[in-house]
Amino acid sequence: MAIWKAGYVLAIVCPGQGSQTPGFLAPWLELPSVEGHLAALSEIAGIDLKAHGTTSDEETIKDTAVAQPLIVAAGLVAAKSLFDVELSTLPVVLAGHSVGEITASALAGVLSEAEAMTFVRERANSMAAAAAVTPTGMSAVVGGDPTEVLAAIEAAGATPANVNGAGQTVAAGTFEQLKALAENPPAKARVIPLKVAGAFHTSHMAPAVSALEALQPSLKPQNPAVPLLSNFDGKEVTAGTAAVESLIAQVSRPVRWDLCMETLVQRGVTGVVELAPAGTLAGLAKRGMPGVKTVAVKTPDDLSAALALFAELEGQA
């Protein structure tokens, strides 16, 4: 076994809603173990993850009730394909963006895969129901002065639901509020509508919090086996019960990915591997964590690059 130097850490990050694209799981089905794994996860989720990940169109997988279980399942499949050892034996820290925090919690051992899929099923269905009450959405604000961006979001009546760092903040609110923001954008910033079906991480999602609180007694969370960061403040969560409470509260409070990246930098992270459906968080890391190497595991073809990153960093240990 390799001997790693103190403070030598690789981050494994799990993306959130909006990262899915039509057919993104198709290449993964070429791996012999994936179809059975997806079938087991589908049974718990109550939807056909194989079909949604391979043949469903963009509008179908935009549906919150489909997108969230699909994203968590993709991360679990990618992780199982990438690691053949317990993550607790590796110098890693885990973090997930929004629904990706469920994936990260499962990989950290807080939730079993079955519990994670049950949790995301209830989260997705209850958030979809909450989103149906009032037409809402989310838009990314890219560029601009951070203070001016927050002021513009507030002026439009929207909420800064994701503060992602690296020049990106996501506003959430009614379509009227997002239209007002788009018509009066901050200086030197672009407002880009996202492929999500609700104002997540805002007060619009309060009913979903209640649904997950009702689910909580059936879960048996364990303390994280590896460091796990919270979306709330970017700090490490050390107790299983606290991790689940954070997952529940996260539904209606902003995601502070900027603080997660700050913590990763402070912990001396030297590489970032983003699990499928990858790309968004690796891009943020390139801009917000200068000098840190990144690999976006989009397809099985990227597994070798991720393993090479491990090997390269191990060689420097």
Protein backbone atom coordinates (compact mmCIF):
# COMPACT_ATOMS: atom_id res chain seq x y z
CA MET A 1 0.00 0.00 0.00
CA ALA A 2 1.20 3.50 -0.81
CA ILE A 3 2.45 5.77 1.92
CA TRP A 4 0.97 9.22 1.49
CA LYS A 5 2.44 12.33 2.97
CA ALA A 6 0.47 14.25 5.57
CA GLY A 7 -2.00 16.73 4.13
CA TYR A 8 -1.88 14.97 0.76
CA VAL A 9 -5.47 14.95 -0.43
CA LEU A 10 -7.52 14.30 -3.53
CA ALA A 11 -11.08 15.65 -3.69
CA ILE A 12 -13.91 13.57 -5.12
CA VAL A 13 -16.83 15.83 -6.01
CA CYS A 14 -20.35 14.96 -7.12
CA PRO A 15 -22.40 17.28 -9.36
CA GLY A 16 -25.92 18.57 -8.91
CA GLN A 17 -29.05 18.99 -10.96
CA GLY A 18 -28.62 20.48 -14.40
CA SER A 19 -25.49 18.45 -15.10
CA GLN A 20 -27.46 15.67 -16.83
CA THR A 21 -27.66 15.47 -20.64
CA PRO A 22 -29.63 13.09 -22.89
CA GLY A 23 -27.92 9.74 -23.33
CA PHE A 24 -25.06 10.45 -20.91
CA LEU A 25 -25.30 7.01 -19.28
CA ALA A 26 -25.12 5.08 -22.56
CA PRO A 27 -21.31 4.64 -22.53
CA TRP A 28 -21.46 3.33 -18.96
CA LEU A 29 -23.75 0.46 -19.99
CA GLU A 30 -20.81 -0.96 -21.93
CA LEU A 31 -19.23 -1.92 -18.60
CA PRO A 32 -20.38 -5.39 -17.49
CA SER A 33 -21.28 -4.48 -13.91
CA VAL A 34 -23.29 -1.34 -14.61
CA GLU A 35 -26.58 -2.71 -15.93
CA GLY A 36 -27.21 -4.83 -12.84
CA HIS A 37 -26.16 -1.98 -10.57
CA LEU A 38 -28.54 0.42 -12.33
CA ALA A 39 -31.36 -2.12 -12.17
CA ALA A 40 -30.99 -2.41 -8.40
CA LEU A 41 -30.89 1.38 -7.98
CA SER A 42 -33.89 1.75 -10.33
CA GLU A 43 -35.98 -0.57 -8.19
CA ILE A 44 -35.43 1.65 -5.16
CA ALA A 45 -35.89 4.89 -7.10
CA GLY A 46 -39.10 3.66 -8.68
CA ILE A 47 -38.06 4.79 -12.17
CA ASP A 48 -36.17 3.21 -15.08
CA LEU A 49 -32.75 4.79 -14.69
CA LYS A 50 -31.33 2.89 -17.66
CA ALA A 51 -33.98 4.28 -20.00
CA HIS A 52 -33.75 7.81 -18.63
CA GLY A 53 -29.96 7.76 -18.88
CA THR A 54 -29.87 6.45 -22.43
CA THR A 55 -33.01 7.20 -24.46
CA SER A 56 -35.11 9.81 -22.62
CA ASP A 57 -35.09 13.28 -24.14
CA GLU A 58 -33.91 16.51 -22.55
CA GLU A 59 -37.36 17.59 -21.37
CA THR A 60 -37.95 14.24 -19.65
CA ILE A 61 -34.70 14.23 -17.72
CA LYS A 62 -35.19 17.87 -16.75
CA ASP A 63 -38.09 16.70 -14.58
CA THR A 64 -36.92 16.92 -10.98
CA ALA A 65 -38.41 13.52 -10.12
CA VAL A 66 -36.22 11.97 -12.82
CA ALA A 67 -33.11 14.16 -12.77
CA GLN A 68 -32.19 13.81 -9.11
CA PRO A 69 -32.23 9.97 -8.81
CA LEU A 70 -30.51 9.77 -12.20
CA ILE A 71 -27.65 12.02 -11.09
CA VAL A 72 -27.11 10.22 -7.77
CA ALA A 73 -27.21 6.82 -9.50
CA ALA A 74 -24.70 7.98 -12.10
CA GLY A 75 -22.28 9.07 -9.39
CA LEU A 76 -22.60 5.76 -7.55
CA VAL A 77 -22.03 3.80 -10.77
CA ALA A 78 -19.00 5.89 -11.70
CA ALA A 79 -17.50 5.56 -8.21
CA LYS A 80 -17.94 1.79 -8.19
CA SER A 81 -16.26 1.61 -11.59
CA LEU A 82 -13.39 3.82 -10.44
CA PHE A 83 -12.58 2.47 -6.99
CA ASP A 84 -12.07 -1.18 -6.14
CA VAL A 85 -11.07 -0.41 -2.55
CA GLU A 86 -12.74 1.26 0.39
CA LEU A 87 -12.49 5.02 0.07
CA SER A 88 -11.53 5.15 3.75
CA THR A 89 -8.15 3.70 2.75
CA LEU A 90 -7.46 6.61 0.39
CA PRO A 91 -6.40 10.21 1.11
CA VAL A 92 -9.64 11.74 -0.16
CA VAL A 93 -12.18 14.33 0.87
CA LEU A 94 -15.75 14.21 -0.46
CA ALA A 95 -18.12 17.00 -1.40
CA GLY A 96 -21.27 17.19 -3.48
CA HIS A 97 -23.17 20.09 -4.99
CA SER A 98 -26.88 20.16 -4.08
CA VAL A 99 -28.30 16.68 -4.84
CA GLY A 100 -24.69 15.56 -5.33
CA GLU A 101 -24.25 15.86 -1.58
CA ILE A 102 -26.42 12.74 -1.30
CA THR A 103 -24.00 10.90 -3.59
CA ALA A 104 -21.06 12.12 -1.51
CA SER A 105 -22.79 11.07 1.72
CA ALA A 106 -23.28 7.56 0.37
CA LEU A 107 -19.65 7.32 -0.73
CA ALA A 108 -18.57 8.55 2.71
CA GLY A 109 -20.57 5.75 4.34
CA VAL A 110 -23.13 8.03 6.00
CA LEU A 111 -25.96 6.42 4.04
CA SER A 112 -26.12 3.01 2.40
CA GLU A 113 -26.79 3.02 -1.34
CA ALA A 114 -30.36 1.91 -0.62
CA GLU A 115 -30.85 4.74 1.88
CA ALA A 116 -29.31 7.25 -0.52
CA MET A 117 -31.66 6.22 -3.33
CA THR A 118 -34.65 6.24 -0.98
CA PHE A 119 -33.66 9.70 0.25
CA VAL A 120 -33.20 11.09 -3.26
CA ARG A 121 -36.48 9.53 -4.42
CA GLU A 122 -38.39 11.28 -1.63
CA ARG A 123 -36.40 14.49 -2.11
CA ALA A 124 -37.03 14.53 -5.85
CA ASN A 125 -40.74 13.78 -5.62
CA SER A 126 -41.38 16.26 -2.83
CA MET A 127 -39.34 19.00 -4.51
CA ALA A 128 -41.18 18.38 -7.79
CA ALA A 129 -44.48 18.72 -5.94
CA ALA A 130 -43.29 21.92 -4.25
CA ALA A 131 -42.11 23.29 -7.60
CA ALA A 132 -45.54 22.61 -9.13
CA VAL A 133 -47.24 24.99 -6.70
CA THR A 134 -45.72 28.10 -8.30
CA PRO A 135 -43.86 28.21 -11.64
CA THR A 136 -40.24 28.83 -10.69
CA GLY A 137 -36.75 28.26 -12.04
CA MET A 138 -33.07 29.10 -11.76
CA SER A 139 -30.60 31.14 -13.80
CA ALA A 140 -26.82 31.27 -13.59
CA VAL A 141 -25.25 34.72 -13.33
CA VAL A 142 -21.75 34.46 -14.78
CA GLY A 143 -19.21 37.24 -14.36
CA GLY A 144 -19.71 40.66 -12.82
CA ASP A 145 -18.71 42.04 -9.46
CA PRO A 146 -19.94 39.65 -6.71
CA THR A 147 -21.46 42.46 -4.66
CA GLU A 148 -23.26 43.87 -7.68
CA VAL A 149 -24.46 40.39 -8.67
CA LEU A 150 -26.05 39.81 -5.26
CA ALA A 151 -27.60 43.29 -5.36
CA ALA A 152 -29.10 42.65 -8.80
CA ILE A 153 -30.55 39.31 -7.70
CA GLU A 154 -32.07 40.95 -4.62
CA ALA A 155 -33.45 43.84 -6.70
CA ALA A 156 -35.24 41.35 -8.94
CA GLY A 157 -36.79 39.69 -5.89
CA ALA A 158 -34.92 36.43 -6.48
CA THR A 159 -32.64 34.45 -4.15
CA PRO A 160 -28.91 33.64 -4.55
CA ALA A 161 -29.56 29.90 -4.25
CA ASN A 162 -26.09 28.69 -5.27
CA VAL A 163 -23.02 30.79 -4.54
CA ASN A 164 -20.58 28.75 -6.60
CA GLY A 165 -17.48 30.93 -6.62
CA ALA A 166 -15.27 31.32 -9.70
CA GLY A 167 -17.54 34.10 -10.96
CA GLN A 168 -20.80 32.13 -10.86
CA THR A 169 -23.90 32.66 -8.74
CA VAL A 170 -27.24 30.96 -9.40
CA ALA A 171 -30.41 32.94 -8.83
CA ALA A 172 -33.71 31.22 -8.08
CA GLY A 173 -37.24 32.53 -8.05
CA THR A 174 -40.41 32.92 -10.06
CA PHE A 175 -40.16 33.26 -13.82
CA GLU A 176 -41.15 36.88 -13.46
CA GLN A 177 -38.28 37.50 -11.05
CA LEU A 178 -35.78 35.72 -13.30
CA LYS A 179 -37.06 37.67 -16.31
CA ALA A 180 -36.55 40.91 -14.38
CA LEU A 181 -32.99 39.83 -13.58
CA ALA A 182 -32.28 38.96 -17.21
CA GLU A 183 -33.61 42.34 -18.34
CA ASN A 184 -31.48 44.17 -15.76
CA PRO A 185 -28.31 42.09 -15.44
CA PRO A 186 -25.33 43.15 -13.36
CA ALA A 187 -22.59 44.97 -15.25
CA LYS A 188 -20.27 42.63 -17.19
CA ALA A 189 -22.40 39.59 -16.34
CA ARG A 190 -24.50 37.12 -18.32
CA VAL A 191 -27.77 35.59 -17.09
CA ILE A 192 -28.23 32.03 -18.36
CA PRO A 193 -31.42 29.98 -17.70
CA LEU A 194 -30.70 26.51 -16.26
CA LYS A 195 -32.27 23.15 -17.08
CA VAL A 196 -34.03 22.76 -13.74
CA ALA A 197 -37.72 22.79 -12.92
CA GLY A 198 -37.94 24.79 -9.73
CA ALA A 199 -36.47 27.39 -7.39
CA PHE A 200 -34.38 24.96 -5.40
CA HIS A 201 -32.62 25.96 -2.19
CA THR A 202 -35.20 28.67 -1.46
CA SER A 203 -38.30 29.00 0.69
CA HIS A 204 -40.33 27.62 -2.24
CA MET A 205 -39.00 24.19 -1.22
CA ALA A 206 -40.20 24.28 2.41
CA PRO A 207 -42.78 21.47 1.88
CA ALA A 208 -39.98 19.16 0.74
CA VAL A 209 -38.11 19.75 3.98
CA SER A 210 -41.11 18.47 5.93
CA ALA A 211 -41.30 15.36 3.75
CA LEU A 212 -37.65 14.53 4.39
CA GLU A 213 -37.99 15.16 8.11
CA ALA A 214 -40.71 12.50 8.10
CA LEU A 215 -38.32 10.10 6.38
CA GLN A 216 -35.43 10.76 8.78
CA PRO A 217 -36.41 8.29 11.56
CA SER A 218 -36.18 5.38 9.10
CA LEU A 219 -32.53 6.14 8.28
CA LYS A 220 -29.57 4.74 10.19
CA PRO A 221 -26.77 7.18 9.39
CA GLN A 222 -23.17 6.33 10.20
CA ASN A 223 -20.37 8.78 10.88
CA PRO A 224 -18.43 9.61 7.69
CA ALA A 225 -15.56 7.21 7.06
CA VAL A 226 -13.71 9.95 5.14
CA PRO A 227 -13.92 13.75 5.40
CA LEU A 228 -17.26 15.02 4.06
CA LEU A 229 -17.98 18.71 3.49
CA SER A 230 -21.34 20.43 3.97
CA ASN A 231 -22.92 22.68 1.36
CA PHE A 232 -24.08 24.96 4.15
CA ASP A 233 -20.74 26.37 5.24
CA GLY A 234 -18.08 24.29 3.50
CA LYS A 235 -17.02 22.74 6.81
CA GLU A 236 -16.44 19.06 7.53
CA VAL A 237 -19.38 17.13 8.93
CA THR A 238 -18.17 14.55 11.45
CA ALA A 239 -21.42 12.97 12.69
CA GLY A 240 -23.84 10.92 10.60
CA THR A 241 -26.92 12.47 12.16
CA ALA A 242 -25.59 15.96 11.49
CA ALA A 243 -24.87 15.00 7.88
CA VAL A 244 -28.47 13.90 7.35
CA GLU A 245 -29.81 17.01 9.05
CA SER A 246 -27.66 19.08 6.71
CA LEU A 247 -29.00 17.18 3.69
CA ILE A 248 -32.56 17.91 4.77
CA ALA A 249 -32.01 21.59 5.55
CA GLN A 250 -30.07 22.04 2.31
CA VAL A 251 -33.27 21.69 0.29
CA SER A 252 -34.46 25.17 1.25
CA ARG A 253 -31.21 27.00 2.02
CA PRO A 254 -28.47 28.22 -0.33
CA VAL A 255 -25.61 26.01 -1.50
CA ARG A 256 -22.24 27.58 -0.70
CA TRP A 257 -19.98 25.75 -3.12
CA ASP A 258 -17.57 28.68 -2.92
CA LEU A 259 -16.96 27.81 0.74
CA CYS A 260 -16.51 24.12 -0.12
CA MET A 261 -13.80 25.05 -2.62
CA GLU A 262 -12.15 27.33 -0.05
CA THR A 263 -12.03 24.42 2.40
CA LEU A 264 -10.56 22.11 -0.24
CA VAL A 265 -7.81 24.63 -0.90
CA GLN A 266 -7.17 25.06 2.84
CA ARG A 267 -6.88 21.29 3.25
CA GLY A 268 -4.15 21.18 0.63
CA VAL A 269 -6.11 19.37 -2.06
CA THR A 270 -3.86 18.71 -5.04
CA GLY A 271 -6.35 17.13 -7.44
CA VAL A 272 -10.11 17.06 -8.08
CA VAL A 273 -12.02 14.15 -9.63
CA GLU A 274 -15.63 14.92 -10.56
CA LEU A 275 -17.93 11.92 -10.92
CA ALA A 276 -20.54 11.57 -13.68
CA PRO A 277 -22.40 13.46 -15.02
CA ALA A 278 -19.21 15.51 -14.81
CA GLY A 279 -17.94 18.82 -16.11
CA THR A 280 -19.55 21.61 -14.09
CA LEU A 281 -17.60 21.25 -10.84
CA ALA A 282 -14.32 20.50 -12.60
CA GLY A 283 -14.81 23.74 -14.52
CA LEU A 284 -15.43 25.68 -11.32
CA ALA A 285 -12.33 24.10 -9.77
CA LYS A 286 -10.17 25.14 -12.71
CA ARG A 287 -11.21 28.75 -12.18
CA GLY A 288 -11.62 28.81 -8.41
CA MET A 289 -8.75 26.53 -7.33
CA PRO A 290 -5.76 27.59 -9.45
CA GLY A 291 -3.01 25.01 -9.78
CA VAL A 292 -5.19 22.07 -8.76
CA LYS A 293 -5.39 19.30 -11.36
CA THR A 294 -8.87 18.19 -12.41
CA VAL A 295 -10.44 15.19 -14.14
CA ALA A 296 -14.11 15.13 -15.18
CA VAL A 297 -15.27 11.52 -15.32
CA LYS A 298 -17.94 11.87 -18.02
CA THR A 299 -17.60 8.40 -19.56
CA PRO A 300 -15.68 5.19 -18.79
CA ASP A 301 -12.97 6.49 -21.12
CA ASP A 302 -12.17 9.06 -18.42
CA LEU A 303 -11.60 6.47 -15.70
CA SER A 304 -8.00 5.93 -16.82
CA ALA A 305 -7.30 9.68 -16.53
CA ALA A 306 -8.71 9.70 -13.00
CA LEU A 307 -6.62 6.68 -12.01
CA ALA A 308 -3.59 8.30 -13.62
CA LEU A 309 -4.17 11.38 -11.47
CA PHE A 310 -4.14 9.16 -8.39
CA ALA A 311 -0.97 7.46 -9.59
CA GLU A 312 0.72 10.75 -10.46
CA LEU A 313 -0.06 12.29 -7.08
CA GLU A 314 0.91 9.06 -5.33
CA GLY A 315 4.24 9.18 -7.08
CA GLN A 316 4.85 12.60 -5.61
CA ALA A 317 4.01 11.46 -2.09
